[in-house]
All heavy atoms as atom14 arrays in JSON, in Angstrom:
{
  "sequence": "TPTRAITEYRFSAGVRQRSTRLAGTKRIVA",
  "atom14_mask": [
    [1, 1, 1, 1, 1, 1, 1, 0, 0, 0, 0, 0, 0, 0],
    [1, 1, 1, 1, 1, 1, 1, 0, 0, 0, 0, 0, 0, 0],
    [1, 1, 1, 1, 1, 1, 1, 0, 0, 0, 0, 0, 0, 0],
    [1, 1, 1, 1, 1, 1, 1, 1, 1, 1, 1, 0, 0, 0],
    [1, 1, 1, 1, 1, 0, 0, 0, 0, 0, 0, 0, 0, 0],
    [1, 1, 1, 1, 1, 1, 1, 1, 0, 0, 0, 0, 0, 0],
    [1, 1, 1, 1, 1, 1, 1, 0, 0, 0, 0, 0, 0, 0],
    [1, 1, 1, 1, 1, 1, 1, 1, 1, 0, 0, 0, 0, 0],
    [1, 1, 1, 1, 1, 1, 1, 1, 1, 1, 1, 1, 0, 0],
    [1, 1, 1, 1, 1, 1, 1, 1, 1, 1, 1, 0, 0, 0],
    [1, 1, 1, 1, 1, 1, 1, 1, 1, 1, 1, 0, 0, 0],
    [1, 1, 1, 1, 1, 1, 0, 0, 0, 0, 0, 0, 0, 0],
    [1, 1, 1, 1, 1, 0, 0, 0, 0, 0, 0, 0, 0, 0],
    [1, 1, 1, 1, 0, 0, 0, 0, 0, 0, 0, 0, 0, 0],
    [1, 1, 1, 1, 1, 1, 1, 0, 0, 0, 0, 0, 0, 0],
    [1, 1, 1, 1, 1, 1, 1, 1, 1, 1, 1, 0, 0, 0],
    [1, 1, 1, 1, 1, 1, 1, 1, 1, 0, 0, 0, 0, 0],
    [1, 1, 1, 1, 1, 1, 1, 1, 1, 1, 1, 0, 0, 0],
    [1, 1, 1, 1, 1, 1, 0, 0, 0, 0, 0, 0, 0, 0],
    [1, 1, 1, 1, 1, 1, 1, 0, 0, 0, 0, 0, 0, 0],
    [1, 1, 1, 1, 1, 1, 1, 1, 1, 1, 1, 0, 0, 0],
    [1, 1, 1, 1, 1, 1, 1, 1, 0, 0, 0, 0, 0, 0],
    [1, 1, 1, 1, 1, 0, 0, 0, 0, 0, 0, 0, 0, 0],
    [1, 1, 1, 1, 0, 0, 0, 0, 0, 0, 0, 0, 0, 0],
    [1, 1, 1, 1, 1, 1, 1, 0, 0, 0, 0, 0, 0, 0],
    [1, 1, 1, 1, 1, 1, 1, 1, 1, 0, 0, 0, 0, 0],
    [1, 1, 1, 1, 1, 1, 1, 1, 1, 1, 1, 0, 0, 0],
    [1, 1, 1, 1, 1, 1, 1, 1, 0, 0, 0, 0, 0, 0],
    [1, 1, 1, 1, 1, 1, 1, 0, 0, 0, 0, 0, 0, 0],
    [1, 1, 1, 1, 1, 0, 0, 0, 0, 0, 0, 0, 0, 0]
  ],
  "atom14_positions": [
    [[90.28, 131.78, 114.99], [89.16, 132.7, 115.14], [88.68, 132.58, 116.58], [89.14, 131.69, 117.31], [88.01, 132.35, 114.17], [87.29, 131.21, 114.66], [88.54, 132.07, 112.76], [0.0, 0.0, 0.0], [0.0, 0.0, 0.0], [0.0, 0.0, 0.0], [0.0, 0.0, 0.0], [0.0, 0.0, 0.0], [0.0, 0.0, 0.0], [0.0, 0.0, 0.0]],
    [[87.75, 133.43, 117.03], [87.29, 133.3, 118.41], [86.66, 131.96, 118.74], [86.67, 131.55, 119.91], [86.27, 134.44, 118.54], [86.75, 135.48, 117.57], [87.25, 134.68, 116.4], [0.0, 0.0, 0.0], [0.0, 0.0, 0.0], [0.0, 0.0, 0.0], [0.0, 0.0, 0.0], [0.0, 0.0, 0.0], [0.0, 0.0, 0.0], [0.0, 0.0, 0.0]],
    [[86.15, 131.24, 117.75], [85.44, 129.99, 118.03], [86.1, 128.75, 117.44], [85.76, 127.64, 117.84], [83.99, 130.05, 117.51], [84.02, 130.29, 116.08], [83.22, 131.17, 118.19], [0.0, 0.0, 0.0], [0.0, 0.0, 0.0], [0.0, 0.0, 0.0], [0.0, 0.0, 0.0], [0.0, 0.0, 0.0], [0.0, 0.0, 0.0], [0.0, 0.0, 0.0]],
    [[87.04, 128.92, 116.52], [87.63, 127.75, 115.85], [89.12, 127.93, 115.62], [89.61, 129.06, 115.48], [86.94, 127.49, 114.51], [85.46, 127.24, 114.6], [84.9, 126.7, 113.28], [85.15, 127.64, 112.18], [84.88, 127.37, 110.9], [84.36, 126.19, 110.57], [85.12, 128.25, 109.96], [0.0, 0.0, 0.0], [0.0, 0.0, 0.0], [0.0, 0.0, 0.0]],
    [[89.81, 126.81, 115.56], [91.19, 126.76, 115.09], [91.2, 125.87, 113.86], [90.84, 124.68, 113.94], [92.13, 126.21, 116.16], [0.0, 0.0, 0.0], [0.0, 0.0, 0.0], [0.0, 0.0, 0.0], [0.0, 0.0, 0.0], [0.0, 0.0, 0.0], [0.0, 0.0, 0.0], [0.0, 0.0, 0.0], [0.0, 0.0, 0.0], [0.0, 0.0, 0.0]],
    [[91.54, 126.43, 112.72], [91.45, 125.72, 111.45], [92.85, 125.49, 110.92], [93.61, 126.45, 110.67], [90.64, 126.53, 110.42], [89.27, 126.91, 111.01], [90.48, 125.75, 109.13], [88.65, 128.12, 110.36], [0.0, 0.0, 0.0], [0.0, 0.0, 0.0], [0.0, 0.0, 0.0], [0.0, 0.0, 0.0], [0.0, 0.0, 0.0], [0.0, 0.0, 0.0]],
    [[93.21, 124.24, 110.77], [94.53, 123.93, 110.25], [94.43, 123.35, 108.86], [93.68, 122.39, 108.62], [95.26, 122.93, 111.16], [95.59, 123.57, 112.39], [96.56, 122.46, 110.53], [0.0, 0.0, 0.0], [0.0, 0.0, 0.0], [0.0, 0.0, 0.0], [0.0, 0.0, 0.0], [0.0, 0.0, 0.0], [0.0, 0.0, 0.0], [0.0, 0.0, 0.0]],
    [[95.16, 123.93, 107.93], [95.28, 123.37, 106.59], [96.71, 122.84, 106.43], [97.68, 123.6, 106.44], [95.0, 124.42, 105.53], [95.05, 123.86, 104.11], [94.68, 124.88, 103.06], [95.54, 125.74, 102.75], [93.54, 124.84, 102.56], [0.0, 0.0, 0.0], [0.0, 0.0, 0.0], [0.0, 0.0, 0.0], [0.0, 0.0, 0.0], [0.0, 0.0, 0.0]],
    [[96.8, 121.53, 106.35], [98.09, 120.9, 106.05], [98.34, 121.08, 104.56], [97.52, 120.65, 103.73], [98.06, 119.42, 106.42], [97.97, 119.16, 107.9], [96.73, 119.22, 108.56], [99.1, 118.88, 108.65], [96.64, 118.99, 109.93], [99.01, 118.65, 110.02], [97.78, 118.71, 110.65], [97.69, 118.49, 112.0], [0.0, 0.0, 0.0], [0.0, 0.0, 0.0]],
    [[99.44, 121.69, 104.22], [99.79, 121.95, 102.82], [100.98, 121.09, 102.45], [102.09, 121.29, 102.98], [100.09, 123.44, 102.63], [98.88, 124.34, 102.9], [99.22, 125.82, 102.84], [98.01, 126.64, 102.96], [98.0, 127.97, 102.97], [99.13, 128.65, 102.87], [96.85, 128.63, 103.07], [0.0, 0.0, 0.0], [0.0, 0.0, 0.0], [0.0, 0.0, 0.0]],
    [[100.75, 120.14, 101.57], [101.76, 119.13, 101.25], [102.53, 119.51, 99.98], [101.94, 119.68, 98.91], [101.1, 117.77, 101.06], [100.33, 117.3, 102.26], [98.96, 117.09, 102.18], [100.97, 117.09, 103.47], [98.24, 116.65, 103.28], [100.26, 116.66, 104.58], [98.9, 116.46, 104.48], [0.0, 0.0, 0.0], [0.0, 0.0, 0.0], [0.0, 0.0, 0.0]],
    [[103.84, 119.62, 100.1], [104.69, 119.93, 98.95], [104.69, 118.79, 97.95], [104.6, 117.61, 98.33], [106.13, 120.19, 99.41], [106.19, 121.26, 100.34], [0.0, 0.0, 0.0], [0.0, 0.0, 0.0], [0.0, 0.0, 0.0], [0.0, 0.0, 0.0], [0.0, 0.0, 0.0], [0.0, 0.0, 0.0], [0.0, 0.0, 0.0], [0.0, 0.0, 0.0]],
    [[104.81, 119.14, 96.68], [104.9, 118.12, 95.63], [106.36, 117.67, 95.52], [107.0, 117.8, 94.47], [104.38, 118.66, 94.31], [0.0, 0.0, 0.0], [0.0, 0.0, 0.0], [0.0, 0.0, 0.0], [0.0, 0.0, 0.0], [0.0, 0.0, 0.0], [0.0, 0.0, 0.0], [0.0, 0.0, 0.0], [0.0, 0.0, 0.0], [0.0, 0.0, 0.0]],
    [[106.89, 117.15, 96.6], [108.26, 116.67, 96.63], [109.25, 117.74, 97.05], [108.92, 118.92, 97.17], [0.0, 0.0, 0.0], [0.0, 0.0, 0.0], [0.0, 0.0, 0.0], [0.0, 0.0, 0.0], [0.0, 0.0, 0.0], [0.0, 0.0, 0.0], [0.0, 0.0, 0.0], [0.0, 0.0, 0.0], [0.0, 0.0, 0.0], [0.0, 0.0, 0.0]],
    [[110.5, 117.31, 97.26], [111.57, 118.23, 97.67], [112.82, 118.08, 96.81], [113.77, 118.83, 96.98], [111.96, 118.01, 99.15], [110.77, 118.31, 100.06], [112.49, 116.6, 99.41], [0.0, 0.0, 0.0], [0.0, 0.0, 0.0], [0.0, 0.0, 0.0], [0.0, 0.0, 0.0], [0.0, 0.0, 0.0], [0.0, 0.0, 0.0], [0.0, 0.0, 0.0]],
    [[112.82, 117.17, 95.87], [114.01, 116.96, 95.05], [114.16, 118.03, 93.97], [115.26, 118.28, 93.49], [113.98, 115.57, 94.4], [113.92, 114.42, 95.38], [115.14, 114.36, 96.28], [116.34, 113.91, 95.59], [117.51, 113.7, 96.17], [117.63, 113.91, 97.48], [118.55, 113.29, 95.48], [0.0, 0.0, 0.0], [0.0, 0.0, 0.0], [0.0, 0.0, 0.0]],
    [[113.04, 118.62, 93.53], [113.06, 119.73, 92.6], [112.52, 120.97, 93.29], [111.57, 120.9, 94.06], [112.18, 119.43, 91.37], [112.59, 118.19, 90.6], [113.95, 118.33, 89.94], [114.31, 119.42, 89.49], [114.7, 117.24, 89.88], [0.0, 0.0, 0.0], [0.0, 0.0, 0.0], [0.0, 0.0, 0.0], [0.0, 0.0, 0.0], [0.0, 0.0, 0.0]],
    [[113.12, 122.13, 93.02], [112.63, 123.36, 93.62], [111.32, 123.77, 92.96], [111.24, 123.98, 91.75], [113.66, 124.48, 93.49], [113.25, 125.73, 94.25], [114.3, 126.81, 94.21], [113.8, 127.99, 94.92], [113.92, 129.24, 94.49], [114.54, 129.49, 93.35], [113.42, 130.24, 95.2], [0.0, 0.0, 0.0], [0.0, 0.0, 0.0], [0.0, 0.0, 0.0]],
    [[110.25, 123.86, 93.74], [108.91, 124.16, 93.22], [108.02, 124.59, 94.37], [108.19, 124.14, 95.5], [108.32, 122.91, 92.55], [106.95, 123.09, 92.25], [0.0, 0.0, 0.0], [0.0, 0.0, 0.0], [0.0, 0.0, 0.0], [0.0, 0.0, 0.0], [0.0, 0.0, 0.0], [0.0, 0.0, 0.0], [0.0, 0.0, 0.0], [0.0, 0.0, 0.0]],
    [[107.03, 125.44, 94.07], [106.03, 125.8, 95.07], [104.72, 125.08, 94.83], [103.71, 125.39, 95.47], [105.79, 127.33, 95.07], [105.37, 127.74, 93.76], [107.06, 128.07, 95.46], [0.0, 0.0, 0.0], [0.0, 0.0, 0.0], [0.0, 0.0, 0.0], [0.0, 0.0, 0.0], [0.0, 0.0, 0.0], [0.0, 0.0, 0.0], [0.0, 0.0, 0.0]],
    [[104.73, 124.1, 93.95], [103.5, 123.35, 93.67], [103.15, 122.46, 94.85], [104.02, 121.86, 95.48], [103.69, 122.49, 92.41], [102.41, 121.8, 91.94], [102.61, 121.19, 90.56], [103.62, 120.15, 90.58], [103.36, 118.86, 90.83], [102.11, 118.47, 91.1], [104.33, 117.97, 90.81], [0.0, 0.0, 0.0], [0.0, 0.0, 0.0], [0.0, 0.0, 0.0]],
    [[101.86, 122.36, 95.16], [101.38, 121.49, 96.22], [100.86, 120.18, 95.65], [100.27, 120.14, 94.56], [100.26, 122.16, 97.02], [100.62, 123.41, 97.83], [99.39, 123.88, 98.6], [101.78, 123.16, 98.79], [0.0, 0.0, 0.0], [0.0, 0.0, 0.0], [0.0, 0.0, 0.0], [0.0, 0.0, 0.0], [0.0, 0.0, 0.0], [0.0, 0.0, 0.0]],
    [[101.06, 119.12, 96.39], [100.48, 117.83, 96.03], [99.05, 117.72, 96.52], [98.27, 116.9, 96.03], [101.32, 116.7, 96.61], [0.0, 0.0, 0.0], [0.0, 0.0, 0.0], [0.0, 0.0, 0.0], [0.0, 0.0, 0.0], [0.0, 0.0, 0.0], [0.0, 0.0, 0.0], [0.0, 0.0, 0.0], [0.0, 0.0, 0.0], [0.0, 0.0, 0.0]],
    [[98.68, 118.51, 97.52], [97.34, 118.45, 98.09], [97.29, 119.18, 99.42], [98.31, 119.69, 99.91], [0.0, 0.0, 0.0], [0.0, 0.0, 0.0], [0.0, 0.0, 0.0], [0.0, 0.0, 0.0], [0.0, 0.0, 0.0], [0.0, 0.0, 0.0], [0.0, 0.0, 0.0], [0.0, 0.0, 0.0], [0.0, 0.0, 0.0], [0.0, 0.0, 0.0]],
    [[96.11, 119.21, 100.0], [95.9, 119.83, 101.31], [94.96, 118.96, 102.14], [94.25, 118.12, 101.61], [95.3, 121.25, 101.19], [94.02, 121.16, 100.54], [96.21, 122.16, 100.39], [0.0, 0.0, 0.0], [0.0, 0.0, 0.0], [0.0, 0.0, 0.0], [0.0, 0.0, 0.0], [0.0, 0.0, 0.0], [0.0, 0.0, 0.0], [0.0, 0.0, 0.0]],
    [[94.97, 119.18, 103.43], [94.03, 118.53, 104.35], [93.61, 119.56, 105.38], [94.46, 120.16, 106.06], [94.68, 117.33, 105.04], [93.83, 116.7, 106.15], [92.56, 116.07, 105.62], [91.75, 115.46, 106.74], [90.49, 114.85, 106.25], [0.0, 0.0, 0.0], [0.0, 0.0, 0.0], [0.0, 0.0, 0.0], [0.0, 0.0, 0.0], [0.0, 0.0, 0.0]],
    [[92.29, 119.75, 105.53], [91.75, 120.76, 106.44], [91.13, 120.09, 107.65], [90.29, 119.19, 107.51], [90.71, 121.61, 105.71], [90.21, 122.85, 106.45], [89.35, 123.66, 105.48], [88.92, 124.93, 106.05], [87.74, 125.12, 106.63], [86.88, 124.11, 106.73], [87.41, 126.31, 107.11], [0.0, 0.0, 0.0], [0.0, 0.0, 0.0], [0.0, 0.0, 0.0]],
    [[91.53, 120.52, 108.85], [90.99, 119.99, 110.1], [90.58, 121.17, 110.97], [91.33, 122.15, 111.1], [92.02, 119.1, 110.82], [92.39, 117.91, 109.93], [91.47, 118.61, 112.16], [93.44, 117.01, 110.52], [0.0, 0.0, 0.0], [0.0, 0.0, 0.0], [0.0, 0.0, 0.0], [0.0, 0.0, 0.0], [0.0, 0.0, 0.0], [0.0, 0.0, 0.0]],
    [[89.39, 121.07, 111.57], [88.84, 122.18, 112.35], [88.68, 121.75, 113.81], [88.15, 120.68, 114.1], [87.47, 122.63, 111.79], [86.9, 123.76, 112.63], [87.6, 123.06, 110.34], [0.0, 0.0, 0.0], [0.0, 0.0, 0.0], [0.0, 0.0, 0.0], [0.0, 0.0, 0.0], [0.0, 0.0, 0.0], [0.0, 0.0, 0.0], [0.0, 0.0, 0.0]],
    [[89.15, 122.6, 114.71], [88.97, 122.38, 116.15], [87.97, 123.4, 116.67], [88.11, 124.6, 116.43], [90.29, 122.53, 116.89], [0.0, 0.0, 0.0], [0.0, 0.0, 0.0], [0.0, 0.0, 0.0], [0.0, 0.0, 0.0], [0.0, 0.0, 0.0], [0.0, 0.0, 0.0], [0.0, 0.0, 0.0], [0.0, 0.0, 0.0], [0.0, 0.0, 0.0]]
  ]
}
């Protein structure tokens, strides 16, 4: 945005099985 850069780390629930499920997220704002 004009005033912030917002990053959401989106963590996959593993890679051994094909899935779009997330294990969690982490949001950091600059």
